[in-house]
Amino acid sequence: MPWNVFVIGYEELGKQLLLQLKHAQDYVFHGLLTLDEVVFADEYPFDRLVADAVAELERFPGAVDAIVGYWDFPTSALAPVLRHRLGLRGPTLEAVLKCEHKFWSRIEQSRSVPECVPPFQAVDPFATDAVEGIHIDYPFWIKPVTAHSSHLGFQVDDAGMLREVLPMIKGGIGRFGKPFEQVMARARVPDEIATVTGHYCVVESIISAGLQCTLEGYVQNGEVFLTGVVDSVRDRRHPSVLSRYEYPSRLPESVQQRMFAYTQRFIERIGYDDAPFNIEFYHDPRSGRLWLLEINARLSRSHAALFHLVDGAPHFQVMVDVALGIAPRMPHRQGRYPVAAKQMIRVFQDGVVRRVPSTEEIRRVEQTFPGTKVDINVREGMRLSDLLHQDSFSYELGALFVGAYNRRELRERIIQCRKMLPFDIDPVSIDATA
């Protein structure tokens, strides 16, 4: 009898990848809440989302064996609440918040892996003395305590620049901040954290000198396991912007093991269990120093196709099997290619989309380079500034997932694919109206 696995925000790429799991016949996947509700909504009324999800699950005539998700907030918080409601395996809400609440996470990191944590502090952007109250030296990074995809995150060089970005932060922080406070109301939160609401920011010293990578792993029955390490490659002209992911990592094995040791210490401290995670580090090759950027209480959807190309199955395999309480049946280095990448297709100026790659053009790319997947984020007629979940510097038109037999060939394939996927964007000036 197959297991019934409910996927929060089930969508097309997820459906394609979940069908690639080993022993796919063992699972039946069901959508839980729509993508428009948990990803593309203008607001996320968390309590209502919980109620709607529970109603969906109660209408299901069979057994609910697992609930999984691979999206950021609110999915990352919905999963533990719903699992607890149904008595399913998974980490506590408090353990998840110690990852997702960026200030609370820094507090826990400073107590378990202090050598990896930069100077940081919480800041109320609405306070009249917000600028004067920051004690971190410029330049620094400011971001909401809960957000993702660098939403409302800024590198700030001086007080003047801070005064410029604070109105933008205050104007947009409530989209995640308000529902996040509904989540915090459901958890046991220590007094030192309770006052740092979803409308706060965290300010941190810059740690981005060096190589960035992500450890994908999971915890099962209290034991921490490593699935793989993925490199993050930054745009040369815009260092704050992510250009692509590459798997497997080129970092020395000794560095990867040091990162994993720090990860184990942090995970064990917060009591996170029976779920996947990913944790991001910077490695400074000159000093050997490791900096912990952040940890997410989920695996990365962006990395799943890379694991499939290199290892032979998306690491969704880990997410699903751990949620069911079985040892993950994740293969290793059994994929089509030795290396793979997710290349983001970006532009750095607002505009109106006049043309996107056709279905035939996408099919031609995927047939020319077997295993390649193309994921388009935009549609004809839309304005790029209307895209949700973008960083503060660029617009992501789409992404391509591609494998190759070596790094040089990988870069060449990316260039060829980009040429085969034409976009037409009419630039729009800052003060123009759509």
Protein backbone atom coordinates (compact mmCIF):
# COMPACT_ATOMS: atom_id res chain seq x y z
CA MET A 1 0.00 0.00 0.00
CA PRO A 2 1.66 3.29 -1.03
CA TRP A 3 2.21 6.12 1.43
CA ASN A 4 0.12 9.29 1.10
CA VAL A 5 2.49 12.25 1.15
CA PHE A 6 1.06 15.79 1.18
CA VAL A 7 3.20 18.51 -0.42
CA ILE A 8 2.61 22.12 0.61
CA GLY A 9 2.54 24.34 -2.48
CA TYR A 10 2.85 21.44 -4.92
CA GLU A 11 3.87 22.76 -8.36
CA GLU A 12 5.05 21.61 -11.77
CA LEU A 13 8.81 21.35 -11.14
CA GLY A 14 8.18 19.60 -7.83
CA LYS A 15 5.88 17.11 -9.56
CA GLN A 16 8.53 16.35 -12.18
CA LEU A 17 11.25 15.85 -9.58
CA LEU A 18 9.21 13.77 -7.15
CA LEU A 19 8.48 11.33 -9.96
CA GLN A 20 12.26 10.78 -10.18
CA LEU A 21 12.56 9.38 -6.65
CA LYS A 22 13.82 5.86 -6.17
CA HIS A 23 10.91 3.51 -5.57
CA ALA A 24 8.49 6.21 -6.79
CA GLN A 25 5.75 3.61 -6.79
CA ASP A 26 5.88 3.60 -2.98
CA TYR A 27 4.40 7.10 -2.74
CA VAL A 28 1.25 8.94 -3.78
CA PHE A 29 1.73 12.72 -3.69
CA HIS A 30 -1.09 15.14 -2.96
CA GLY A 31 -1.08 18.93 -3.06
CA LEU A 32 -1.82 20.82 0.16
CA LEU A 33 -2.70 24.50 -0.26
CA THR A 34 -1.93 26.12 -3.57
CA LEU A 35 1.18 27.83 -4.82
CA ASP A 36 -0.75 31.08 -5.00
CA GLU A 37 -1.59 30.76 -1.29
CA VAL A 38 1.85 29.93 0.10
CA VAL A 39 4.29 31.51 -2.38
CA PHE A 40 2.79 34.12 -4.68
CA ALA A 41 0.22 35.68 -2.36
CA ASP A 42 0.34 39.37 -1.47
CA GLU A 43 -0.18 38.40 2.17
CA TYR A 44 -0.01 35.20 4.25
CA PRO A 45 -2.75 35.02 6.91
CA PHE A 46 -1.06 32.23 8.83
CA ASP A 47 -3.91 31.22 11.13
CA ARG A 48 -6.29 30.98 8.18
CA LEU A 49 -3.77 28.96 6.16
CA VAL A 50 -3.52 26.48 9.04
CA ALA A 51 -7.29 26.19 9.25
CA ASP A 52 -7.64 25.72 5.48
CA ALA A 53 -4.90 23.06 5.42
CA VAL A 54 -6.44 21.16 8.32
CA ALA A 55 -9.81 21.21 6.56
CA GLU A 56 -8.20 19.81 3.40
CA LEU A 57 -6.52 17.03 5.35
CA GLU A 58 -9.71 16.15 7.23
CA ARG A 59 -11.60 15.79 3.94
CA PHE A 60 -9.05 13.28 2.66
CA PRO A 61 -10.58 9.79 2.89
CA GLY A 62 -7.32 7.91 3.47
CA ALA A 63 -4.40 8.00 5.89
CA VAL A 64 -2.14 11.05 5.96
CA ASP A 65 1.34 9.52 6.26
CA ALA A 66 3.54 12.62 5.87
CA ILE A 67 3.48 16.36 5.24
CA VAL A 68 6.45 17.92 3.45
CA GLY A 69 7.40 21.24 1.90
CA TYR A 70 10.36 22.85 0.17
CA TRP A 71 9.33 26.53 0.16
CA ASP A 72 10.38 29.27 2.55
CA PHE A 73 8.03 31.01 4.98
CA PRO A 74 5.12 30.44 5.44
CA THR A 75 5.61 26.81 4.30
CA SER A 76 8.55 26.32 6.65
CA ALA A 77 6.32 27.22 9.61
CA LEU A 78 3.15 25.53 8.38
CA ALA A 79 4.84 22.11 8.21
CA PRO A 80 5.66 21.76 11.94
CA VAL A 81 2.27 23.15 13.01
CA LEU A 82 0.36 20.75 10.78
CA ARG A 83 2.53 17.75 11.64
CA HIS A 84 2.03 18.38 15.35
CA ARG A 85 -1.72 18.66 14.79
CA LEU A 86 -1.80 15.23 13.11
CA GLY A 87 0.83 13.53 15.28
CA LEU A 88 3.35 13.12 12.45
CA ARG A 89 7.15 13.09 12.61
CA GLY A 90 9.05 16.32 12.38
CA PRO A 91 10.89 19.02 14.35
CA THR A 92 9.13 21.15 16.94
CA LEU A 93 7.96 24.62 16.01
CA GLU A 94 10.50 26.07 18.44
CA ALA A 95 13.38 24.22 16.73
CA VAL A 96 12.20 25.51 13.35
CA LEU A 97 12.00 29.08 14.65
CA LYS A 98 15.56 28.82 15.96
CA CYS A 99 16.49 28.48 12.29
CA GLU A 100 13.95 30.79 10.65
CA HIS A 101 13.98 33.73 13.11
CA LYS A 102 17.27 35.27 12.04
CA PHE A 103 17.99 36.99 15.36
CA TRP A 104 17.00 34.00 17.50
CA SER A 105 19.12 31.81 15.22
CA ARG A 106 22.15 34.09 15.68
CA ILE A 107 21.70 33.91 19.46
CA GLU A 108 21.70 30.10 19.34
CA GLN A 109 24.64 30.06 16.94
CA SER A 110 26.66 32.35 19.21
CA ARG A 111 26.16 29.84 22.02
CA SER A 112 27.10 26.75 20.01
CA VAL A 113 29.50 27.86 17.24
CA PRO A 114 30.66 31.36 18.29
CA GLU A 115 33.77 31.20 16.12
CA CYS A 116 31.52 31.23 13.01
CA VAL A 117 29.22 34.10 13.97
CA PRO A 118 29.82 37.76 12.97
CA PRO A 119 28.89 40.71 15.21
CA PHE A 120 25.11 41.22 15.03
CA GLN A 121 22.22 43.01 16.73
CA ALA A 122 18.47 43.38 16.45
CA VAL A 123 17.08 46.70 15.25
CA ASP A 124 13.57 48.13 15.27
CA PRO A 125 13.38 49.97 11.91
CA PHE A 126 10.39 51.99 13.19
CA ALA A 127 12.30 53.40 16.18
CA THR A 128 13.08 57.12 16.00
CA ASP A 129 16.69 56.37 16.97
CA ALA A 130 17.10 53.35 14.66
CA VAL A 131 20.14 54.84 12.91
CA GLU A 132 21.84 56.01 16.10
CA GLY A 133 21.05 52.74 17.90
CA ILE A 134 23.15 50.54 15.62
CA HIS A 135 26.52 49.64 17.12
CA ILE A 136 27.86 47.51 14.25
CA ASP A 137 30.58 49.19 12.19
CA TYR A 138 29.81 50.18 8.60
CA PRO A 139 29.54 48.59 6.12
CA PHE A 140 27.00 46.05 7.32
CA TRP A 141 24.08 43.99 6.07
CA ILE A 142 20.52 44.71 7.24
CA LYS A 143 17.59 42.34 6.66
CA PRO A 144 14.24 41.48 8.30
CA VAL A 145 14.28 38.78 10.96
CA THR A 146 12.16 36.73 8.61
CA ALA A 147 12.35 36.92 4.82
CA HIS A 148 13.96 35.05 1.96
CA SER A 149 15.55 35.55 -1.47
CA SER A 150 17.31 38.63 -0.01
CA HIS A 151 13.91 40.37 0.27
CA LEU A 152 14.49 43.84 1.79
CA GLY A 153 18.12 42.95 2.44
CA PHE A 154 20.67 45.70 1.85
CA GLN A 155 24.38 46.20 2.22
CA VAL A 156 24.65 49.57 3.94
CA ASP A 157 27.84 51.62 3.59
CA ASP A 158 27.04 54.60 5.81
CA ALA A 159 24.34 56.35 7.85
CA GLY A 160 23.07 58.25 4.83
CA MET A 161 22.44 55.06 2.92
CA LEU A 162 20.75 53.54 5.97
CA ARG A 163 18.33 56.47 6.10
CA GLU A 164 17.53 55.82 2.44
CA VAL A 165 16.73 52.12 2.82
CA LEU A 166 14.81 52.25 6.12
CA PRO A 167 11.61 53.64 4.51
CA MET A 168 11.67 50.77 1.98
CA ILE A 169 12.09 48.24 4.78
CA LYS A 170 9.31 49.76 6.87
CA GLY A 171 7.00 49.84 3.85
CA GLY A 172 7.42 46.16 3.01
CA ILE A 173 8.38 44.35 6.21
CA GLY A 174 4.81 43.62 7.26
CA ARG A 175 4.21 41.20 4.40
CA PHE A 176 6.21 38.55 6.23
CA GLY A 177 6.37 40.20 9.64
CA LYS A 178 2.66 40.16 10.44
CA PRO A 179 2.07 36.43 9.76
CA PHE A 180 5.40 35.60 11.41
CA GLU A 181 4.10 37.12 14.63
CA GLN A 182 1.10 34.77 14.41
CA VAL A 183 3.58 31.91 14.25
CA MET A 184 5.57 33.18 17.23
CA ALA A 185 2.34 33.38 19.25
CA ARG A 186 2.02 29.60 18.86
CA ALA A 187 5.51 28.87 20.23
CA ARG A 188 7.30 28.98 23.57
CA VAL A 189 9.60 31.92 22.99
CA PRO A 190 12.13 33.18 25.59
CA ASP A 191 11.73 36.73 26.83
CA GLU A 192 14.90 37.96 25.09
CA ILE A 193 13.42 36.88 21.75
CA ALA A 194 9.74 37.69 22.29
CA THR A 195 10.36 41.43 22.04
CA VAL A 196 12.11 41.02 18.67
CA THR A 197 8.92 40.77 16.62
CA GLY A 198 8.46 40.02 12.95
CA HIS A 199 8.73 43.74 12.24
CA TYR A 200 12.35 43.85 13.44
CA CYS A 201 15.56 43.58 11.45
CA VAL A 202 18.92 42.04 12.18
CA VAL A 203 22.12 43.92 11.39
CA GLU A 204 25.31 41.93 10.79
CA SER A 205 28.91 42.59 9.86
CA ILE A 206 29.83 41.72 6.27
CA ILE A 207 31.15 38.15 5.98
CA SER A 208 30.94 37.62 2.22
CA ALA A 209 34.67 37.73 1.46
CA GLY A 210 35.39 34.23 0.26
CA LEU A 211 33.58 31.24 -1.18
CA GLN A 212 29.95 30.57 -0.36
CA CYS A 213 28.46 27.10 -0.14
CA THR A 214 25.47 25.25 1.26
CA LEU A 215 25.43 21.99 3.17
CA GLU A 216 22.32 19.96 2.46
CA GLY A 217 21.59 17.48 5.22
CA TYR A 218 19.00 15.90 7.45
CA VAL A 219 18.44 14.71 10.99
CA GLN A 220 16.87 11.38 11.85
CA ASN A 221 16.40 10.06 15.37
CA GLY A 222 18.77 12.72 16.67
CA GLU A 223 21.64 11.90 14.30
CA VAL A 224 22.83 14.51 11.77
CA PHE A 225 23.68 13.37 8.24
CA LEU A 226 25.24 15.17 5.26
CA THR A 227 23.58 14.77 1.85
CA GLY A 228 25.92 16.99 -0.18
CA VAL A 229 27.64 20.37 -0.50
CA VAL A 230 26.65 22.90 -3.18
CA ASP A 231 28.72 25.96 -4.19
CA SER A 232 27.12 29.39 -4.70
CA VAL A 233 28.74 31.47 -7.44
CA ARG A 234 28.22 35.25 -7.29
CA ASP A 235 27.81 37.63 -10.22
CA ARG A 236 31.16 39.26 -11.05
CA ARG A 237 29.72 42.73 -11.63
CA HIS A 238 27.21 42.55 -8.79
CA PRO A 239 28.79 40.54 -5.93
CA SER A 240 25.60 40.67 -3.82
CA VAL A 241 23.68 38.78 -6.52
CA LEU A 242 23.71 34.99 -6.90
CA SER A 243 24.65 33.83 -10.40
CA ARG A 244 24.43 30.03 -10.11
CA TYR A 245 24.72 26.95 -7.92
CA GLU A 246 27.24 24.22 -8.74
CA TYR A 247 27.29 20.66 -7.42
CA PRO A 248 29.36 19.00 -6.10
CA SER A 249 31.41 21.60 -4.23
CA ARG A 250 35.01 22.32 -5.17
CA LEU A 251 35.96 23.06 -1.56
CA PRO A 252 38.56 20.74 -0.03
CA GLU A 253 37.15 17.78 1.85
CA SER A 254 38.79 19.01 5.06
CA VAL A 255 36.87 22.31 4.83
CA GLN A 256 33.60 20.50 4.15
CA GLN A 257 34.14 18.32 7.22
CA ARG A 258 34.81 21.38 9.40
CA MET A 259 31.54 22.92 8.25
CA PHE A 260 29.70 19.70 8.96
CA ALA A 261 31.17 19.56 12.48
CA TYR A 262 29.90 23.10 13.17
CA THR A 263 26.53 22.11 11.74
CA GLN A 264 26.26 19.14 14.07
CA ARG A 265 26.99 21.31 17.10
CA PHE A 266 24.31 23.83 16.18
CA ILE A 267 21.65 21.27 15.20
CA GLU A 268 22.17 19.29 18.39
CA ARG A 269 21.87 22.44 20.50
CA ILE A 270 18.51 23.51 19.08
CA GLY A 271 17.01 20.00 19.15
CA TYR A 272 16.06 19.94 15.48
CA ASP A 273 15.08 16.39 14.46
CA ASP A 274 13.42 14.23 11.81
CA ALA A 275 13.63 16.66 8.90
CA PRO A 276 16.01 18.01 6.25
CA PHE A 277 17.86 21.32 6.51
CA ASN A 278 20.35 23.41 4.59
CA ILE A 279 23.00 25.64 6.12
CA GLU A 280 25.10 28.26 4.33
CA PHE A 281 28.73 29.10 5.05
CA TYR A 282 31.43 31.39 3.70
CA HIS A 283 35.01 30.12 3.56
CA ASP A 284 37.87 32.60 3.40
CA PRO A 285 40.67 30.66 1.63
CA ARG A 286 43.33 33.13 2.77
CA SER A 287 42.66 32.87 6.49
CA GLY A 288 40.85 29.54 6.54
CA ARG A 289 38.04 31.22 8.49
CA LEU A 290 34.50 29.86 8.24
CA TRP A 291 31.46 32.10 8.69
CA LEU A 292 27.92 30.81 9.14
CA LEU A 293 25.46 32.80 7.03
CA GLU A 294 22.11 31.18 7.87
CA ILE A 295 20.27 27.91 8.29
CA ASN A 296 16.94 26.94 6.73
CA ALA A 297 14.52 24.41 8.19
CA ARG A 298 13.98 22.80 4.79
CA LEU A 299 15.97 21.53 1.87
CA SER A 300 16.54 23.73 -1.17
CA ARG A 301 14.22 23.25 -4.13
CA SER A 302 16.91 24.98 -6.22
CA HIS A 303 19.34 22.13 -5.53
CA ALA A 304 17.02 19.19 -6.15
CA ALA A 305 17.59 18.88 -9.90
CA LEU A 306 21.37 19.11 -9.35
CA PHE A 307 21.31 16.10 -7.05
CA HIS A 308 19.25 14.25 -9.66
CA LEU A 309 21.78 15.01 -12.42
CA VAL A 310 24.81 14.01 -10.31
CA ASP A 311 23.57 11.46 -7.76
CA GLY A 312 20.67 9.84 -9.59
CA ALA A 313 17.68 11.20 -7.63
CA PRO A 314 16.56 14.60 -6.34
CA HIS A 315 17.34 15.01 -2.66
CA PHE A 316 13.56 15.25 -2.23
CA GLN A 317 14.22 11.54 -1.59
CA VAL A 318 15.63 12.52 1.81
CA MET A 319 12.75 14.89 2.59
CA VAL A 320 10.09 12.28 1.88
CA ASP A 321 11.73 9.24 3.48
CA VAL A 322 12.68 11.06 6.69
CA ALA A 323 9.11 12.37 7.00
CA LEU A 324 7.90 8.77 6.73
CA GLY A 325 10.39 7.56 9.33
CA ILE A 326 12.42 5.32 7.02
CA ALA A 327 16.13 5.49 6.24
CA PRO A 328 16.59 7.68 3.14
CA ARG A 329 17.10 5.69 -0.03
CA MET A 330 19.21 8.43 -1.60
CA PRO A 331 21.74 7.26 -4.23
CA HIS A 332 25.23 8.76 -4.52
CA ARG A 333 27.10 9.60 -7.74
CA GLN A 334 24.75 7.46 -9.83
CA GLY A 335 23.48 10.30 -12.01
CA ARG A 336 24.01 11.13 -15.68
CA TYR A 337 26.79 13.70 -15.07
CA PRO A 338 29.72 14.32 -12.70
CA VAL A 339 28.84 18.05 -12.30
CA ALA A 340 25.69 20.18 -12.56
CA ALA A 341 24.53 23.76 -12.13
CA LYS A 342 21.47 25.88 -11.68
CA GLN A 343 22.07 29.05 -13.69
CA MET A 344 19.85 32.03 -12.88
CA ILE A 345 18.81 34.09 -15.91
CA ARG A 346 18.85 37.68 -14.61
CA VAL A 347 18.61 41.28 -15.72
CA PHE A 348 19.55 44.30 -13.63
CA GLN A 349 17.07 46.88 -14.92
CA ASP A 350 13.30 47.04 -14.65
CA GLY A 351 11.35 46.48 -17.83
CA VAL A 352 8.29 45.03 -19.53
CA VAL A 353 8.54 41.48 -20.88
CA ARG A 354 7.74 41.43 -24.61
CA ARG A 355 8.90 37.90 -25.39
CA VAL A 356 9.83 34.76 -23.51
CA PRO A 357 11.32 31.54 -24.94
CA SER A 358 8.70 29.48 -26.75
CA THR A 359 7.74 25.94 -25.82
CA GLU A 360 9.59 24.72 -28.91
CA GLU A 361 12.75 26.65 -27.99
CA ILE A 362 12.68 25.21 -24.47
CA ARG A 363 12.13 21.71 -25.84
CA ARG A 364 15.08 22.15 -28.20
CA VAL A 365 17.38 23.06 -25.30
CA GLU A 366 16.22 20.09 -23.25
CA GLN A 367 16.70 17.72 -26.19
CA THR A 368 20.12 19.12 -27.14
CA PHE A 369 21.45 18.68 -23.60
CA PRO A 370 19.78 15.60 -22.06
CA GLY A 371 18.72 16.06 -18.45
CA THR A 372 18.47 19.86 -18.74
CA LYS A 373 15.40 21.58 -17.29
CA VAL A 374 14.25 25.13 -18.04
CA ASP A 375 12.10 27.02 -15.53
CA ILE A 376 10.64 30.38 -16.67
CA ASN A 377 9.49 32.90 -14.03
CA VAL A 378 8.00 35.61 -16.25
CA ARG A 379 5.26 35.94 -18.83
CA GLU A 380 4.76 38.27 -21.75
CA GLY A 381 3.30 41.64 -20.82
CA MET A 382 4.38 41.66 -17.18
CA ARG A 383 6.60 44.27 -15.58
CA LEU A 384 9.67 42.89 -13.85
CA SER A 385 9.19 45.02 -10.73
CA ASP A 386 5.93 43.12 -10.15
CA LEU A 387 7.89 39.90 -9.58
CA LEU A 388 7.76 38.63 -6.01
CA HIS A 389 10.68 37.28 -3.96
CA GLN A 390 13.46 39.11 -5.82
CA ASP A 391 16.68 40.44 -4.34
CA SER A 392 17.20 44.21 -4.12
CA PHE A 393 19.40 44.45 -7.21
CA SER A 394 18.10 42.21 -10.01
CA TYR A 395 15.17 40.36 -11.57
CA GLU A 396 15.23 36.62 -12.19
CA LEU A 397 13.63 35.81 -15.53
CA GLY A 398 14.09 32.09 -15.03
CA ALA A 399 16.63 29.38 -14.42
CA LEU A 400 18.16 26.45 -16.20
CA PHE A 401 19.36 23.23 -14.60
CA VAL A 402 22.14 21.63 -16.64
CA GLY A 403 24.73 18.89 -16.20
CA ALA A 404 28.07 18.20 -17.89
CA TYR A 405 31.10 15.93 -17.82
CA ASN A 406 33.47 18.58 -16.45
CA ARG A 407 33.45 22.21 -15.23
CA ARG A 408 34.62 23.70 -18.50
CA GLU A 409 31.93 21.92 -20.48
CA LEU A 410 29.39 23.00 -17.87
CA ARG A 411 30.20 26.68 -18.42
CA GLU A 412 30.08 26.22 -22.20
CA ARG A 413 26.69 24.51 -22.03
CA ILE A 414 25.31 27.35 -19.91
CA ILE A 415 26.41 29.89 -22.53
CA GLN A 416 24.88 27.83 -25.33
CA CYS A 417 21.60 27.38 -23.46
CA ARG A 418 21.36 31.09 -22.75
CA LYS A 419 21.76 31.85 -26.48
CA MET A 420 19.01 29.34 -27.30
CA LEU A 421 16.57 30.94 -24.81
CA PRO A 422 15.82 34.46 -26.09
CA PHE A 423 14.02 37.05 -23.95
CA ASP A 424 12.91 40.49 -25.13
CA ILE A 425 12.65 43.12 -22.37
CA ASP A 426 11.72 46.76 -22.94
CA PRO A 427 13.65 48.82 -20.34
CA VAL A 428 11.61 51.03 -18.01
CA SER A 429 13.09 54.06 -16.27
CA ILE A 430 12.80 54.32 -12.49
CA ASP A 431 10.19 57.07 -12.62
CA ALA A 432 8.11 55.56 -15.42
CA THR A 433 4.73 54.01 -14.76
CA ALA A 434 3.66 50.60 -15.98
